[in-house]
Amino acid sequence: MVMAGEDWRNEATAALFDAIVSLTGRDEAAHFFRDLCTRRELEEISQRWAVVRKLAAGHSYREISGETGVSTATIVRINQWLRHGTGGYQHMLDKLNLGQEEQ
């Protein structure tokens, strides 16, 4: 039985996550994700991660938008996931020692 809000979890996503966690370095990840995603998808994912890092470092929405080109509406949505999501963003920020001291 799938819990409400967890309907995106299935065998296909599990297989994808298994592949991702088996990657052993940046070059391997780059090759895998470049084959998996379009250039635009990679740009969008990269921009979202840049927004997360800038939010964690205390940058304003206007500043982030100007630096990344991401709309303030998208920044608001990303911030909602950062603050009230599953904790994935915050876990990675902590794991990579990113946050307030970052640019």
PDB file of N, CA and C in Angstrom:
ATOM      1  N   MET A   1       0.836  -1.187   0.000  1.00  0.00           N
ATOM      2  CA  MET A   1       0.000   0.000   0.000  1.00  0.00           C
ATOM      3  C   MET A   1       0.881   1.251   0.000  1.00  0.00           C
ATOM      4  N   VAL A   2       0.589   2.190  -0.890  1.00  0.00           N
ATOM      5  CA  VAL A   2       1.355   3.415  -1.020  1.00  0.00           C
ATOM      6  C   VAL A   2       0.733   4.489  -0.143  1.00  0.00           C
ATOM      7  N   MET A   3       1.565   5.139   0.667  1.00  0.00           N
ATOM      8  CA  MET A   3       1.084   6.217   1.531  1.00  0.00           C
ATOM      9  C   MET A   3       0.783   7.453   0.692  1.00  0.00           C
ATOM     10  N   ALA A   4      -0.140   8.271   1.164  1.00  0.00           N
ATOM     11  CA  ALA A   4      -0.478   9.514   0.467  1.00  0.00           C
ATOM     12  C   ALA A   4       0.782  10.364   0.318  1.00  0.00           C
ATOM     13  N   GLY A   5       0.963  10.923  -0.863  1.00  0.00           N
ATOM     14  CA  GLY A   5       2.122  11.750  -1.127  1.00  0.00           C
ATOM     15  C   GLY A   5       3.362  10.952  -1.503  1.00  0.00           C
ATOM     16  N   GLU A   6       3.286   9.642  -1.428  1.00  0.00           N
ATOM     17  CA  GLU A   6       4.424   8.784  -1.755  1.00  0.00           C
ATOM     18  C   GLU A   6       4.194   8.020  -3.047  1.00  0.00           C
ATOM     19  N   ASP A   7       3.200   8.432  -3.844  1.00  0.00           N
ATOM     20  CA  ASP A   7       2.860   7.707  -5.063  1.00  0.00           C
ATOM     21  C   ASP A   7       3.941   7.798  -6.134  1.00  0.00           C
ATOM     22  N   TRP A   8       4.936   8.634  -5.957  1.00  0.00           N
ATOM     23  CA  TRP A   8       6.046   8.713  -6.894  1.00  0.00           C
ATOM     24  C   TRP A   8       7.063   7.612  -6.645  1.00  0.00           C
ATOM     25  N   ARG A   9       6.990   6.976  -5.483  1.00  0.00           N
ATOM     26  CA  ARG A   9       7.901   5.874  -5.163  1.00  0.00           C
ATOM     27  C   ARG A   9       7.365   4.588  -5.782  1.00  0.00           C
ATOM     28  N   ASN A  10       8.169   4.004  -6.660  1.00  0.00           N
ATOM     29  CA  ASN A  10       7.770   2.759  -7.309  1.00  0.00           C
ATOM     30  C   ASN A  10       9.031   1.998  -7.715  1.00  0.00           C
ATOM     31  N   GLU A  11       8.857   0.896  -8.420  1.00  0.00           N
ATOM     32  CA  GLU A  11      10.019   0.090  -8.818  1.00  0.00           C
ATOM     33  C   GLU A  11      10.977   0.875  -9.713  1.00  0.00           C
ATOM     34  N   ALA A  12      10.425   1.716 -10.573  1.00  0.00           N
ATOM     35  CA  ALA A  12      11.274   2.493 -11.482  1.00  0.00           C
ATOM     36  C   ALA A  12      12.120   3.510 -10.720  1.00  0.00           C
ATOM     37  N   THR A  13      11.514   4.223  -9.754  1.00  0.00           N
ATOM     38  CA  THR A  13      12.300   5.190  -8.991  1.00  0.00           C
ATOM     39  C   THR A  13      13.294   4.468  -8.087  1.00  0.00           C
ATOM     40  N   ALA A  14      12.906   3.329  -7.539  1.00  0.00           N
ATOM     41  CA  ALA A  14      13.838   2.557  -6.709  1.00  0.00           C
ATOM     42  C   ALA A  14      15.055   2.128  -7.525  1.00  0.00           C
ATOM     43  N   ALA A  15      14.829   1.672  -8.751  1.00  0.00           N
ATOM     44  CA  ALA A  15      15.936   1.260  -9.615  1.00  0.00           C
ATOM     45  C   ALA A  15      16.831   2.453  -9.950  1.00  0.00           C
ATOM     46  N   LEU A  16      16.227   3.610 -10.192  1.00  0.00           N
ATOM     47  CA  LEU A  16      17.009   4.820 -10.469  1.00  0.00           C
ATOM     48  C   LEU A  16      17.867   5.179  -9.264  1.00  0.00           C
ATOM     49  N   PHE A  17      17.273   5.191  -8.077  1.00  0.00           N
ATOM     50  CA  PHE A  17      18.029   5.548  -6.878  1.00  0.00           C
ATOM     51  C   PHE A  17      19.127   4.542  -6.594  1.00  0.00           C
ATOM     52  N   ASP A  18      18.879   3.274  -6.853  1.00  0.00           N
ATOM     53  CA  ASP A  18      19.928   2.253  -6.703  1.00  0.00           C
ATOM     54  C   ASP A  18      21.100   2.565  -7.625  1.00  0.00           C
ATOM     55  N   ALA A  19      20.796   2.955  -8.859  1.00  0.00           N
ATOM     56  CA  ALA A  19      21.863   3.304  -9.797  1.00  0.00           C
ATOM     57  C   ALA A  19      22.628   4.527  -9.303  1.00  0.00           C
ATOM     58  N   ILE A  20      21.914   5.546  -8.816  1.00  0.00           N
ATOM     59  CA  ILE A  20      22.560   6.777  -8.357  1.00  0.00           C
ATOM     60  C   ILE A  20      23.465   6.505  -7.164  1.00  0.00           C
ATOM     61  N   VAL A  21      22.995   5.747  -6.191  1.00  0.00           N
ATOM     62  CA  VAL A  21      23.828   5.522  -5.004  1.00  0.00           C
ATOM     63  C   VAL A  21      25.026   4.623  -5.304  1.00  0.00           C
ATOM     64  N   SER A  22      25.009   3.932  -6.428  1.00  0.00           N
ATOM     65  CA  SER A  22      26.155   3.099  -6.790  1.00  0.00           C
ATOM     66  C   SER A  22      27.243   3.880  -7.517  1.00  0.00           C
ATOM     67  N   LEU A  23      26.971   5.133  -7.906  1.00  0.00           N
ATOM     68  CA  LEU A  23      27.975   5.950  -8.590  1.00  0.00           C
ATOM     69  C   LEU A  23      29.159   6.194  -7.663  1.00  0.00           C
ATOM     70  N   THR A  24      30.364   6.157  -8.221  1.00  0.00           N
ATOM     71  CA  THR A  24      31.546   6.223  -7.364  1.00  0.00           C
ATOM     72  C   THR A  24      32.345   7.516  -7.468  1.00  0.00           C
ATOM     73  N   GLY A  25      31.897   8.451  -8.222  1.00  0.00           N
ATOM     74  CA  GLY A  25      32.633   9.712  -8.294  1.00  0.00           C
ATOM     75  C   GLY A  25      31.962  10.700  -9.223  1.00  0.00           C
ATOM     76  N   ARG A  26      32.505  11.912  -9.246  1.00  0.00           N
ATOM     77  CA  ARG A  26      31.933  12.989 -10.044  1.00  0.00           C
ATOM     78  C   ARG A  26      31.919  12.657 -11.528  1.00  0.00           C
ATOM     79  N   ASP A  27      33.015  12.113 -12.051  1.00  0.00           N
ATOM     80  CA  ASP A  27      33.064  11.793 -13.486  1.00  0.00           C
ATOM     81  C   ASP A  27      32.026  10.734 -13.851  1.00  0.00           C
ATOM     82  N   GLU A  28      31.923   9.708 -13.021  1.00  0.00           N
ATOM     83  CA  GLU A  28      30.931   8.659 -13.282  1.00  0.00           C
ATOM     84  C   GLU A  28      29.522   9.234 -13.221  1.00  0.00           C
ATOM     85  N   ALA A  29      29.278  10.093 -12.236  1.00  0.00           N
ATOM     86  CA  ALA A  29      27.969  10.737 -12.111  1.00  0.00           C
ATOM     87  C   ALA A  29      27.691  11.621 -13.320  1.00  0.00           C
ATOM     88  N   ALA A  30      28.698  12.368 -13.758  1.00  0.00           N
ATOM     89  CA  ALA A  30      28.525  13.252 -14.914  1.00  0.00           C
ATOM     90  C   ALA A  30      28.150  12.461 -16.156  1.00  0.00           C
ATOM     91  N   HIS A  31      28.833  11.356 -16.388  1.00  0.00           N
ATOM     92  CA  HIS A  31      28.520  10.529 -17.560  1.00  0.00           C
ATOM     93  C   HIS A  31      27.110   9.948 -17.467  1.00  0.00           C
ATOM     94  N   PHE A  32      26.756   9.441 -16.299  1.00  0.00           N
ATOM     95  CA  PHE A  32      25.427   8.840 -16.119  1.00  0.00           C
ATOM     96  C   PHE A  32      24.324   9.880 -16.301  1.00  0.00           C
ATOM     97  N   PHE A  33      24.459  11.015 -15.601  1.00  0.00           N
ATOM     98  CA  PHE A  33      23.403  12.020 -15.675  1.00  0.00           C
ATOM     99  C   PHE A  33      23.323  12.677 -17.044  1.00  0.00           C
ATOM    100  N   ARG A  34      24.453  12.808 -17.739  1.00  0.00           N
ATOM    101  CA  ARG A  34      24.403  13.387 -19.084  1.00  0.00           C
ATOM    102  C   ARG A  34      23.658  12.471 -20.038  1.00  0.00           C
ATOM    103  N   ASP A  35      23.821  11.162 -19.879  1.00  0.00           N
ATOM    104  CA  ASP A  35      23.069  10.224 -20.711  1.00  0.00           C
ATOM    105  C   ASP A  35      21.607  10.148 -20.286  1.00  0.00           C
ATOM    106  N   LEU A  36      21.354  10.286 -18.994  1.00  0.00           N
ATOM    107  CA  LEU A  36      20.001  10.165 -18.460  1.00  0.00           C
ATOM    108  C   LEU A  36      19.137  11.386 -18.761  1.00  0.00           C
ATOM    109  N   CYS A  37      19.720  12.570 -18.667  1.00  0.00           N
ATOM    110  CA  CYS A  37      18.964  13.820 -18.745  1.00  0.00           C
ATOM    111  C   CYS A  37      19.315  14.612 -20.004  1.00  0.00           C
ATOM    112  N   THR A  38      18.374  15.455 -20.403  1.00  0.00           N
ATOM    113  CA  THR A  38      18.693  16.420 -21.451  1.00  0.00           C
ATOM    114  C   THR A  38      19.572  17.508 -20.835  1.00  0.00           C
ATOM    115  N   ARG A  39      20.220  18.272 -21.693  1.00  0.00           N
ATOM    116  CA  ARG A  39      21.034  19.391 -21.185  1.00  0.00           C
ATOM    117  C   ARG A  39      20.173  20.346 -20.366  1.00  0.00           C
ATOM    118  N   ARG A  40      18.974  20.606 -20.845  1.00  0.00           N
ATOM    119  CA  ARG A  40      18.081  21.529 -20.136  1.00  0.00           C
ATOM    120  C   ARG A  40      17.704  20.977 -18.764  1.00  0.00           C
ATOM    121  N   GLU A  41      17.424  19.688 -18.678  1.00  0.00           N
ATOM    122  CA  GLU A  41      17.094  19.080 -17.382  1.00  0.00           C
ATOM    123  C   GLU A  41      18.268  19.202 -16.412  1.00  0.00           C
ATOM    124  N   LEU A  42      19.472  18.968 -16.904  1.00  0.00           N
ATOM    125  CA  LEU A  42      20.661  19.111 -16.059  1.00  0.00           C
ATOM    126  C   LEU A  42      20.835  20.552 -15.593  1.00  0.00           C
ATOM    127  N   GLU A  43      20.597  21.505 -16.498  1.00  0.00           N
ATOM    128  CA  GLU A  43      20.689  22.913 -16.130  1.00  0.00           C
ATOM    129  C   GLU A  43      19.665  23.256 -15.044  1.00  0.00           C
ATOM    130  N   GLU A  44      18.444  22.758 -15.209  1.00  0.00           N
ATOM    131  CA  GLU A  44      17.400  23.045 -14.228  1.00  0.00           C
ATOM    132  C   GLU A  44      17.715  22.430 -12.867  1.00  0.00           C
ATOM    133  N   ILE A  45      18.174  21.198 -12.857  1.00  0.00           N
ATOM    134  CA  ILE A  45      18.538  20.543 -11.596  1.00  0.00           C
ATOM    135  C   ILE A  45      19.694  21.297 -10.936  1.00  0.00           C
ATOM    136  N   SER A  46      20.682  21.663 -11.732  1.00  0.00           N
ATOM    137  CA  SER A  46      21.838  22.398 -11.204  1.00  0.00           C
ATOM    138  C   SER A  46      21.419  23.751 -10.643  1.00  0.00           C
ATOM    139  N   GLN A  47      20.519  24.434 -11.350  1.00  0.00           N
ATOM    140  CA  GLN A  47      20.025  25.723 -10.865  1.00  0.00           C
ATOM    141  C   GLN A  47      19.288  25.556  -9.543  1.00  0.00           C
ATOM    142  N   ARG A  48      18.478  24.525  -9.428  1.00  0.00           N
ATOM    143  CA  ARG A  48      17.745  24.302  -8.176  1.00  0.00           C
ATOM    144  C   ARG A  48      18.705  24.085  -7.018  1.00  0.00           C
ATOM    145  N   TRP A  49      19.749  23.288  -7.241  1.00  0.00           N
ATOM    146  CA  TRP A  49      20.724  23.045  -6.185  1.00  0.00           C
ATOM    147  C   TRP A  49      21.473  24.335  -5.844  1.00  0.00           C
ATOM    148  N   ALA A  50      21.759  25.167  -6.841  1.00  0.00           N
ATOM    149  CA  ALA A  50      22.396  26.465  -6.577  1.00  0.00           C
ATOM    150  C   ALA A  50      21.471  27.338  -5.727  1.00  0.00           C
ATOM    151  N   VAL A  51      20.179  27.324  -6.025  1.00  0.00           N
ATOM    152  CA  VAL A  51      19.210  28.094  -5.243  1.00  0.00           C
ATOM    153  C   VAL A  51      19.180  27.603  -3.802  1.00  0.00           C
ATOM    154  N   VAL A  52      19.158  26.297  -3.606  1.00  0.00           N
ATOM    155  CA  VAL A  52      19.148  25.733  -2.249  1.00  0.00           C
ATOM    156  C   VAL A  52      20.367  26.223  -1.466  1.00  0.00           C
ATOM    157  N   ARG A  53      21.530  26.148  -2.081  1.00  0.00           N
ATOM    158  CA  ARG A  53      22.764  26.569  -1.403  1.00  0.00           C
ATOM    159  C   ARG A  53      22.719  28.055  -1.055  1.00  0.00           C
ATOM    160  N   LYS A  54      22.205  28.863  -1.964  1.00  0.00           N
ATOM    161  CA  LYS A  54      22.124  30.299  -1.709  1.00  0.00           C
ATOM    162  C   LYS A  54      21.081  30.622  -0.637  1.00  0.00           C
ATOM    163  N   LEU A  55      19.959  29.906  -0.639  1.00  0.00           N
ATOM    164  CA  LEU A  55      18.967  30.092   0.425  1.00  0.00           C
ATOM    165  C   LEU A  55      19.571  29.737   1.781  1.00  0.00           C
ATOM    166  N   ALA A  56      20.273  28.624   1.830  1.00  0.00           N
ATOM    167  CA  ALA A  56      20.887  28.187   3.085  1.00  0.00           C
ATOM    168  C   ALA A  56      21.922  29.185   3.586  1.00  0.00           C
ATOM    169  N   ALA A  57      22.554  29.896   2.657  1.00  0.00           N
ATOM    170  CA  ALA A  57      23.560  30.886   3.016  1.00  0.00           C
ATOM    171  C   ALA A  57      22.948  32.243   3.343  1.00  0.00           C
ATOM    172  N   GLY A  58      21.615  32.345   3.261  1.00  0.00           N
ATOM    173  CA  GLY A  58      20.941  33.563   3.674  1.00  0.00           C
ATOM    174  C   GLY A  58      20.738  34.619   2.609  1.00  0.00           C
ATOM    175  N   HIS A  59      20.953  34.275   1.353  1.00  0.00           N
ATOM    176  CA  HIS A  59      20.745  35.238   0.274  1.00  0.00           C
ATOM    177  C   HIS A  59      19.246  35.534   0.102  1.00  0.00           C
ATOM    178  N   SER A  60      18.936  36.734  -0.344  1.00  0.00           N
ATOM    179  CA  SER A  60      17.541  37.117  -0.579  1.00  0.00           C
ATOM    180  C   SER A  60      17.039  36.516  -1.885  1.00  0.00           C
ATOM    181  N   TYR A  61      15.726  36.415  -2.011  1.00  0.00           N
ATOM    182  CA  TYR A  61      15.126  35.886  -3.237  1.00  0.00           C
ATOM    183  C   TYR A  61      15.555  36.721  -4.444  1.00  0.00           C
ATOM    184  N   ARG A  62      15.529  38.035  -4.302  1.00  0.00           N
ATOM    185  CA  ARG A  62      15.880  38.926  -5.412  1.00  0.00           C
ATOM    186  C   ARG A  62      17.335  38.707  -5.823  1.00  0.00           C
ATOM    187  N   GLU A  63      18.209  38.588  -4.850  1.00  0.00           N
ATOM    188  CA  GLU A  63      19.622  38.361  -5.126  1.00  0.00           C
ATOM    189  C   GLU A  63      19.824  37.016  -5.842  1.00  0.00           C
ATOM    190  N   ILE A  64      19.158  35.981  -5.347  1.00  0.00           N
ATOM    191  CA  ILE A  64      19.272  34.650  -5.950  1.00  0.00           C
ATOM    192  C   ILE A  64      18.745  34.667  -7.380  1.00  0.00           C
ATOM    193  N   SER A  65      17.623  35.306  -7.578  1.00  0.00           N
ATOM    194  CA  SER A  65      17.041  35.384  -8.914  1.00  0.00           C
ATOM    195  C   SER A  65      17.990  36.082  -9.877  1.00  0.00           C
ATOM    196  N   GLY A  66      18.588  37.184  -9.423  1.00  0.00           N
ATOM    197  CA  GLY A  66      19.512  37.923 -10.265  1.00  0.00           C
ATOM    198  C   GLY A  66      20.760  37.125 -10.610  1.00  0.00           C
ATOM    199  N   GLU A  67      21.241  36.338  -9.666  1.00  0.00           N
ATOM    200  CA  GLU A  67      22.466  35.567  -9.879  1.00  0.00           C
ATOM    201  C   GLU A  67      22.234  34.289 -10.681  1.00  0.00           C
ATOM    202  N   THR A  68      21.053  33.684 -10.537  1.00  0.00           N
ATOM    203  CA  THR A  68      20.809  32.374 -11.162  1.00  0.00           C
ATOM    204  C   THR A  68      19.866  32.433 -12.353  1.00  0.00           C
ATOM    205  N   GLY A  69      19.064  33.486 -12.445  1.00  0.00           N
ATOM    206  CA  GLY A  69      18.062  33.566 -13.501  1.00  0.00           C
ATOM    207  C   GLY A  69      16.791  32.808 -13.171  1.00  0.00           C
ATOM    208  N   VAL A  70      16.708  32.217 -11.982  1.00  0.00           N
ATOM    209  CA  VAL A  70      15.524  31.481 -11.552  1.00  0.00           C
ATOM    210  C   VAL A  70      14.482  32.487 -11.069  1.00  0.00           C
ATOM    211  N   SER A  71      13.219  32.274 -11.441  1.00  0.00           N
ATOM    212  CA  SER A  71      12.161  33.199 -11.038  1.00  0.00           C
ATOM    213  C   SER A  71      11.961  33.157  -9.525  1.00  0.00           C
ATOM    214  N   THR A  72      11.491  34.274  -8.967  1.00  0.00           N
ATOM    215  CA  THR A  72      11.240  34.302  -7.525  1.00  0.00           C
ATOM    216  C   THR A  72      10.146  33.306  -7.139  1.00  0.00           C
ATOM    217  N   ALA A  73       9.192  33.054  -8.023  1.00  0.00           N
ATOM    218  CA  ALA A  73       8.144  32.065  -7.737  1.00  0.00           C
ATOM    219  C   ALA A  73       8.764  30.675  -7.557  1.00  0.00           C
ATOM    220  N   THR A  74       9.720  30.318  -8.407  1.00  0.00           N
ATOM    221  CA  THR A  74      10.396  29.028  -8.281  1.00  0.00           C
ATOM    222  C   THR A  74      11.248  28.996  -7.018  1.00  0.00           C
ATOM    223  N   ILE A  75      11.888  30.098  -6.701  1.00  0.00           N
ATOM    224  CA  ILE A  75      12.696  30.173  -5.483  1.00  0.00           C
ATOM    225  C   ILE A  75      11.822  29.963  -4.255  1.00  0.00           C
ATOM    226  N   VAL A  76      10.627  30.558  -4.252  1.00  0.00           N
ATOM    227  CA  VAL A  76       9.692  30.357  -3.144  1.00  0.00           C
ATOM    228  C   VAL A  76       9.354  28.873  -3.004  1.00  0.00           C
ATOM    229  N   ARG A  77       9.073  28.203  -4.131  1.00  0.00           N
ATOM    230  CA  ARG A  77       8.745  26.769  -4.082  1.00  0.00           C
ATOM    231  C   ARG A  77       9.925  25.950  -3.567  1.00  0.00           C
ATOM    232  N   ILE A  78      11.124  26.269  -4.035  1.00  0.00           N
ATOM    233  CA  ILE A  78      12.313  25.552  -3.572  1.00  0.00           C
ATOM    234  C   ILE A  78      12.505  25.773  -2.077  1.00  0.00           C
ATOM    235  N   ASN A  79      12.291  26.994  -1.612  1.00  0.00           N
ATOM    236  CA  ASN A  79      12.431  27.288  -0.187  1.00  0.00           C
ATOM    237  C   ASN A  79      11.403  26.513   0.637  1.00  0.00           C
ATOM    238  N   GLN A  80      10.203  26.351   0.109  1.00  0.00           N
ATOM    239  CA  GLN A  80       9.195  25.548   0.823  1.00  0.00           C
ATOM    240  C   GLN A  80       9.669  24.112   0.996  1.00  0.00           C
ATOM    241  N   TRP A  81      10.259  23.532  -0.051  1.00  0.00           N
ATOM    242  CA  TRP A  81      10.786  22.167   0.042  1.00  0.00           C
ATOM    243  C   TRP A  81      11.973  22.122   0.993  1.00  0.00           C
ATOM    244  N   LEU A  82      12.816  23.170   0.984  1.00  0.00           N
ATOM    245  CA  LEU A  82      13.957  23.227   1.890  1.00  0.00           C
ATOM    246  C   LEU A  82      13.480  23.248   3.337  1.00  0.00           C
ATOM    247  N   ARG A  83      12.458  24.032   3.605  1.00  0.00           N
ATOM    248  CA  ARG A  83      11.975  24.203   4.983  1.00  0.00           C
ATOM    249  C   ARG A  83      10.988  23.117   5.425  1.00  0.00           C
ATOM    250  N   HIS A  84      10.172  22.614   4.495  1.00  0.00           N
ATOM    251  CA  HIS A  84       9.081  21.715   4.895  1.00  0.00           C
ATOM    252  C   HIS A  84       9.003  20.449   4.058  1.00  0.00           C
ATOM    253  N   GLY A  85      10.067  20.102   3.362  1.00  0.00           N
ATOM    254  CA  GLY A  85      10.070  18.905   2.522  1.00  0.00           C
ATOM    255  C   GLY A  85      10.431  17.670   3.331  1.00  0.00           C
ATOM    256  N   THR A  86      11.061  16.733   2.686  1.00  0.00           N
ATOM    257  CA  THR A  86      11.405  15.468   3.338  1.00  0.00           C
ATOM    258  C   THR A  86      12.729  15.532   4.090  1.00  0.00           C
ATOM    259  N   GLY A  87      13.427  16.642   3.995  1.00  0.00           N
ATOM    260  CA  GLY A  87      14.713  16.797   4.669  1.00  0.00           C
ATOM    261  C   GLY A  87      15.905  16.488   3.783  1.00  0.00           C
ATOM    262  N   GLY A  88      15.643  16.126   2.534  1.00  0.00           N
ATOM    263  CA  GLY A  88      16.720  15.769   1.623  1.00  0.00           C
ATOM    264  C   GLY A  88      17.670  16.907   1.339  1.00  0.00           C
ATOM    265  N   TYR A  89      17.135  18.094   1.088  1.00  0.00           N
ATOM    266  CA  TYR A  89      17.996  19.247   0.842  1.00  0.00           C
ATOM    267  C   TYR A  89      18.881  19.510   2.063  1.00  0.00           C
ATOM    268  N   GLN A  90      18.261  19.583   3.234  1.00  0.00           N
ATOM    269  CA  GLN A  90      19.013  19.914   4.446  1.00  0.00           C
ATOM    270  C   GLN A  90      20.051  18.846   4.756  1.00  0.00           C
ATOM    271  N   HIS A  91      19.705  17.598   4.535  1.00  0.00           N
ATOM    272  CA  HIS A  91      20.662  16.514   4.772  1.00  0.00           C
ATOM    273  C   HIS A  91      21.906  16.692   3.904  1.00  0.00           C
ATOM    274  N   MET A  92      21.700  17.009   2.632  1.00  0.00           N
ATOM    275  CA  MET A  92      22.848  17.186   1.737  1.00  0.00           C
ATOM    276  C   MET A  92      23.643  18.438   2.093  1.00  0.00           C
ATOM    277  N   LEU A  93      22.971  19.511   2.482  1.00  0.00           N
ATOM    278  CA  LEU A  93      23.690  20.703   2.935  1.00  0.00           C
ATOM    279  C   LEU A  93      24.573  20.364   4.129  1.00  0.00           C
ATOM    280  N   ASP A  94      24.009  19.626   5.088  1.00  0.00           N
ATOM    281  CA  ASP A  94      24.766  19.230   6.273  1.00  0.00           C
ATOM    282  C   ASP A  94      25.908  18.286   5.905  1.00  0.00           C
ATOM    283  N   LYS A  95      25.612  17.314   5.067  1.00  0.00           N
ATOM    284  CA  LYS A  95      26.611  16.323   4.666  1.00  0.00           C
ATOM    285  C   LYS A  95      27.790  16.974   3.959  1.00  0.00           C
ATOM    286  N   LEU A  96      27.517  17.985   3.155  1.00  0.00           N
ATOM    287  CA  LEU A  96      28.561  18.679   2.405  1.00  0.00           C
ATOM    288  C   LEU A  96      29.108  19.906   3.143  1.00  0.00           C
ATOM    289  N   ASN A  97      28.656  20.092   4.392  1.00  0.00           N
ATOM    290  CA  ASN A  97      29.097  21.226   5.216  1.00  0.00           C
ATOM    291  C   ASN A  97      28.829  22.561   4.546  1.00  0.00           C
ATOM    292  N   LEU A  98      27.631  22.693   3.977  1.00  0.00           N
ATOM    293  CA  LEU A  98      27.221  23.939   3.344  1.00  0.00           C
ATOM    294  C   LEU A  98      26.198  24.628   4.238  1.00  0.00           C
ATOM    295  N   GLY A  99      26.063  25.901   4.065  1.00  0.00           N
ATOM    296  CA  GLY A  99      25.070  26.610   4.870  1.00  0.00           C
ATOM    297  C   GLY A  99      25.437  28.054   5.027  1.00  0.00           C
ATOM    298  N   GLN A 100      25.273  28.568   6.233  1.00  0.00           N
ATOM    299  CA  GLN A 100      25.411  29.998   6.506  1.00  0.00           C
ATOM    300  C   GLN A 100      26.776  30.559   6.115  1.00  0.00           C
ATOM    301  N   GLU A 101      27.852  29.774   6.250  1.00  0.00           N
ATOM    302  CA  GLU A 101      29.165  30.313   5.935  1.00  0.00           C
ATOM    303  C   GLU A 101      29.458  30.323   4.452  1.00  0.00           C
ATOM    304  N   GLU A 102      28.623  29.648   3.658  1.00  0.00           N
ATOM    305  CA  GLU A 102      28.838  29.616   2.209  1.00  0.00           C
ATOM    306  C   GLU A 102      28.395  30.925   1.584  1.00  0.00           C
ATOM    307  N   GLN A 103      28.852  31.178   0.379  1.00  0.00           N
ATOM    308  CA  GLN A 103      28.504  32.419  -0.306  1.00  0.00           C
ATOM    309  C   GLN A 103      27.076  32.500  -0.633  1.00  0.00           C
TER     310      GLN A 103
END
